[in-house]
């Protein structure tokens, strides 16, 4: 659901997803061209519903403090989200 939303989102540079089935956790790391694109994504369904339902936590960083090399995404915003289901 959210993966399909990510694939079609404006301003998405790259993303990765990880799940821990036994620990019932899921992580998403996404890199965005700008904060407006990130905000557009997080406010829409299904992402918004999943975060509400599972009380997800989000960490956002402007590139420079992020794990993304500047030469790959000079003006990127990084969002890391975790849900426990």
N, C-alpha and C. Protein backbone atom coordinates (compact mmCIF):
# COMPACT_ATOMS: atom_id res chain seq x y z
N UNK A 1 0.82 -1.19 0.00
CA UNK A 1 0.00 0.00 0.00
C UNK A 1 0.87 1.26 0.00
N UNK A 2 1.63 1.45 1.08
CA UNK A 2 2.47 2.63 1.18
C UNK A 2 3.57 2.58 0.11
N UNK A 3 4.06 1.39 -0.19
CA UNK A 3 5.10 1.26 -1.20
C UNK A 3 4.59 1.75 -2.57
N UNK A 4 3.36 1.44 -2.90
CA UNK A 4 2.78 1.93 -4.16
C UNK A 4 2.64 3.44 -4.13
N UNK A 5 2.26 3.99 -2.99
CA UNK A 5 2.16 5.45 -2.85
C UNK A 5 3.54 6.09 -3.04
N UNK A 6 4.56 5.50 -2.43
CA UNK A 6 5.92 6.02 -2.59
C UNK A 6 6.33 6.05 -4.05
N UNK A 7 6.10 4.95 -4.76
CA UNK A 7 6.53 4.84 -6.16
C UNK A 7 5.95 5.93 -7.04
N UNK A 8 4.76 6.38 -6.74
CA UNK A 8 4.11 7.39 -7.57
C UNK A 8 4.21 8.80 -7.04
N UNK A 9 5.02 9.03 -6.02
CA UNK A 9 5.07 10.34 -5.36
C UNK A 9 6.02 11.30 -6.05
N UNK A 10 5.56 12.53 -6.22
CA UNK A 10 6.36 13.61 -6.79
C UNK A 10 7.49 13.96 -5.81
N UNK A 11 8.68 14.12 -6.33
CA UNK A 11 9.80 14.58 -5.52
C UNK A 11 10.55 13.48 -4.79
N UNK A 12 10.16 12.23 -4.96
CA UNK A 12 10.86 11.13 -4.30
C UNK A 12 12.17 10.87 -5.03
N UNK A 13 13.28 10.83 -4.28
CA UNK A 13 14.59 10.53 -4.85
C UNK A 13 14.85 9.04 -4.76
N UNK A 14 14.65 8.46 -3.57
CA UNK A 14 14.92 7.04 -3.34
C UNK A 14 14.26 6.63 -2.03
N UNK A 15 14.00 5.33 -1.87
CA UNK A 15 13.47 4.84 -0.60
C UNK A 15 13.91 3.40 -0.38
N UNK A 16 13.84 2.98 0.87
CA UNK A 16 14.06 1.57 1.22
C UNK A 16 13.08 1.22 2.34
N UNK A 17 12.71 -0.05 2.38
CA UNK A 17 11.79 -0.54 3.40
C UNK A 17 12.37 -1.79 4.03
N UNK A 18 12.09 -1.96 5.32
CA UNK A 18 12.56 -3.14 6.04
C UNK A 18 11.47 -3.56 7.01
N UNK A 19 11.26 -4.87 7.17
CA UNK A 19 10.31 -5.36 8.16
C UNK A 19 10.98 -6.39 9.04
N UNK A 20 10.54 -6.42 10.27
CA UNK A 20 10.99 -7.41 11.25
C UNK A 20 9.73 -8.14 11.69
N UNK A 21 9.43 -9.24 11.04
CA UNK A 21 8.16 -9.93 11.24
C UNK A 21 7.98 -10.39 12.68
N UNK A 22 8.98 -11.04 13.26
CA UNK A 22 8.85 -11.52 14.64
C UNK A 22 8.77 -10.38 15.64
N UNK A 23 9.46 -9.29 15.38
CA UNK A 23 9.40 -8.14 16.27
C UNK A 23 8.25 -7.20 15.95
N UNK A 24 7.53 -7.52 14.88
CA UNK A 24 6.37 -6.73 14.45
C UNK A 24 6.71 -5.25 14.28
N UNK A 25 7.79 -4.97 13.55
CA UNK A 25 8.20 -3.60 13.26
C UNK A 25 8.43 -3.44 11.77
N UNK A 26 8.25 -2.22 11.31
CA UNK A 26 8.55 -1.89 9.93
C UNK A 26 9.23 -0.52 9.90
N UNK A 27 10.20 -0.38 9.00
CA UNK A 27 10.94 0.86 8.84
C UNK A 27 10.88 1.31 7.40
N UNK A 28 10.82 2.60 7.20
CA UNK A 28 10.93 3.18 5.87
C UNK A 28 11.94 4.31 5.93
N UNK A 29 12.86 4.34 5.01
CA UNK A 29 13.80 5.44 4.86
C UNK A 29 13.57 6.03 3.47
N UNK A 30 13.24 7.30 3.41
CA UNK A 30 12.97 7.91 2.11
C UNK A 30 13.73 9.22 1.99
N UNK A 31 14.12 9.54 0.76
CA UNK A 31 14.86 10.76 0.46
C UNK A 31 14.02 11.56 -0.54
N UNK A 32 13.87 12.84 -0.26
CA UNK A 32 12.97 13.70 -1.04
C UNK A 32 13.72 14.91 -1.57
N UNK A 33 13.27 15.42 -2.71
CA UNK A 33 13.88 16.61 -3.31
C UNK A 33 13.72 17.84 -2.44
N UNK A 34 12.57 17.95 -1.77
CA UNK A 34 12.33 19.10 -0.91
C UNK A 34 11.28 18.75 0.13
N UNK A 35 11.15 19.62 1.11
CA UNK A 35 10.22 19.37 2.21
C UNK A 35 8.77 19.38 1.76
N UNK A 36 8.44 20.18 0.75
CA UNK A 36 7.06 20.22 0.25
C UNK A 36 6.63 18.87 -0.30
N UNK A 37 7.51 18.20 -1.04
CA UNK A 37 7.20 16.88 -1.58
C UNK A 37 7.00 15.88 -0.46
N UNK A 38 7.84 15.93 0.56
CA UNK A 38 7.71 15.04 1.72
C UNK A 38 6.38 15.28 2.43
N UNK A 39 6.03 16.53 2.68
CA UNK A 39 4.78 16.86 3.35
C UNK A 39 3.57 16.39 2.55
N UNK A 40 3.64 16.54 1.24
CA UNK A 40 2.55 16.09 0.38
C UNK A 40 2.33 14.58 0.54
N UNK A 41 3.42 13.83 0.59
CA UNK A 41 3.34 12.38 0.76
C UNK A 41 2.76 11.98 2.12
N UNK A 42 3.27 12.54 3.21
CA UNK A 42 2.87 12.08 4.54
C UNK A 42 1.43 12.42 4.89
N UNK A 43 0.86 13.40 4.23
CA UNK A 43 -0.51 13.80 4.55
C UNK A 43 -1.57 13.03 3.77
N UNK A 44 -1.14 12.20 2.83
CA UNK A 44 -2.10 11.46 2.00
C UNK A 44 -2.24 10.00 2.45
N UNK A 45 -3.38 9.41 2.06
CA UNK A 45 -3.65 8.01 2.32
C UNK A 45 -2.95 7.19 1.24
N UNK A 46 -2.39 6.06 1.58
CA UNK A 46 -2.53 5.28 2.80
C UNK A 46 -1.53 5.62 3.90
N UNK A 47 -0.48 6.39 3.58
CA UNK A 47 0.55 6.69 4.58
C UNK A 47 -0.03 7.27 5.86
N UNK A 48 -0.86 8.29 5.74
CA UNK A 48 -1.42 8.96 6.92
C UNK A 48 -2.22 8.00 7.79
N UNK A 49 -3.00 7.12 7.17
CA UNK A 49 -3.80 6.16 7.93
C UNK A 49 -2.93 5.14 8.67
N UNK A 50 -1.90 4.65 8.00
CA UNK A 50 -0.99 3.68 8.62
C UNK A 50 -0.30 4.29 9.84
N UNK A 51 0.18 5.52 9.71
CA UNK A 51 0.87 6.17 10.83
C UNK A 51 -0.08 6.41 12.01
N UNK A 52 -1.33 6.78 11.72
CA UNK A 52 -2.31 6.97 12.80
C UNK A 52 -2.64 5.64 13.46
N UNK A 53 -2.90 4.63 12.65
CA UNK A 53 -3.32 3.33 13.17
C UNK A 53 -2.25 2.70 14.08
N UNK A 54 -0.99 2.80 13.67
CA UNK A 54 0.08 2.13 14.41
C UNK A 54 0.93 3.09 15.23
N UNK A 55 0.49 4.33 15.34
CA UNK A 55 1.20 5.33 16.15
C UNK A 55 2.68 5.39 15.76
N UNK A 56 2.93 5.53 14.48
CA UNK A 56 4.30 5.55 13.96
C UNK A 56 5.06 6.78 14.42
N UNK A 57 6.37 6.64 14.45
CA UNK A 57 7.24 7.76 14.77
C UNK A 57 8.04 8.14 13.54
N UNK A 58 8.35 9.42 13.41
CA UNK A 58 9.04 9.93 12.24
C UNK A 58 10.22 10.79 12.66
N UNK A 59 11.33 10.62 11.97
CA UNK A 59 12.50 11.48 12.13
C UNK A 59 12.79 12.09 10.78
N UNK A 60 12.93 13.42 10.72
CA UNK A 60 13.23 14.08 9.45
C UNK A 60 14.52 14.88 9.61
N UNK A 61 15.34 14.85 8.57
CA UNK A 61 16.60 15.56 8.59
C UNK A 61 16.85 16.24 7.26
N UNK A 62 17.42 17.42 7.31
CA UNK A 62 17.90 18.09 6.12
C UNK A 62 19.25 17.49 5.79
N UNK A 63 19.52 17.29 4.52
CA UNK A 63 20.80 16.70 4.12
C UNK A 63 21.96 17.48 4.76
N UNK A 64 23.00 16.77 5.12
CA UNK A 64 24.12 17.34 5.85
C UNK A 64 24.25 16.60 7.16
N UNK A 65 23.10 16.24 7.74
CA UNK A 65 23.08 15.40 8.93
C UNK A 65 22.50 14.03 8.57
N UNK A 66 22.37 13.79 7.29
CA UNK A 66 21.71 12.56 6.84
C UNK A 66 22.73 11.56 6.32
N UNK A 67 22.31 10.30 6.17
CA UNK A 67 23.21 9.28 5.63
C UNK A 67 23.35 9.34 4.11
N UNK A 68 22.70 10.29 3.45
CA UNK A 68 22.74 10.38 2.00
C UNK A 68 23.90 11.27 1.58
N UNK A 69 24.83 10.77 0.76
CA UNK A 69 25.95 11.62 0.31
C UNK A 69 25.45 12.84 -0.44
N UNK A 70 26.04 13.99 -0.18
CA UNK A 70 25.59 15.23 -0.80
C UNK A 70 25.66 15.18 -2.32
N UNK A 71 26.62 14.46 -2.87
CA UNK A 71 26.73 14.43 -4.33
C UNK A 71 25.58 13.66 -4.98
N UNK A 72 24.86 12.85 -4.23
CA UNK A 72 23.73 12.10 -4.77
C UNK A 72 22.41 12.84 -4.62
N UNK A 73 22.28 13.63 -3.59
CA UNK A 73 21.00 14.33 -3.33
C UNK A 73 21.30 15.65 -2.61
N UNK A 74 21.81 16.60 -3.35
CA UNK A 74 22.31 17.85 -2.77
C UNK A 74 21.28 18.58 -1.91
N UNK A 75 20.04 18.63 -2.34
CA UNK A 75 19.03 19.38 -1.60
C UNK A 75 17.93 18.45 -1.11
N UNK A 76 18.29 17.35 -0.52
CA UNK A 76 17.32 16.34 -0.13
C UNK A 76 16.89 16.46 1.32
N UNK A 77 15.71 15.95 1.57
CA UNK A 77 15.21 15.78 2.92
C UNK A 77 15.08 14.29 3.14
N UNK A 78 15.47 13.82 4.31
CA UNK A 78 15.44 12.41 4.63
C UNK A 78 14.38 12.18 5.70
N UNK A 79 13.55 11.17 5.50
CA UNK A 79 12.53 10.82 6.46
C UNK A 79 12.71 9.36 6.85
N UNK A 80 12.83 9.11 8.14
CA UNK A 80 12.91 7.74 8.64
C UNK A 80 11.70 7.51 9.52
N UNK A 81 10.93 6.46 9.23
CA UNK A 81 9.72 6.18 9.99
C UNK A 81 9.73 4.75 10.50
N UNK A 82 9.17 4.57 11.69
CA UNK A 82 9.11 3.25 12.32
C UNK A 82 7.68 3.04 12.82
N UNK A 83 7.14 1.85 12.56
CA UNK A 83 5.84 1.49 13.14
C UNK A 83 5.98 0.14 13.86
N UNK A 84 5.24 -0.01 14.93
CA UNK A 84 5.14 -1.27 15.66
C UNK A 84 3.71 -1.75 15.45
N UNK A 85 3.53 -2.95 14.90
CA UNK A 85 2.17 -3.43 14.62
C UNK A 85 1.86 -4.68 15.39
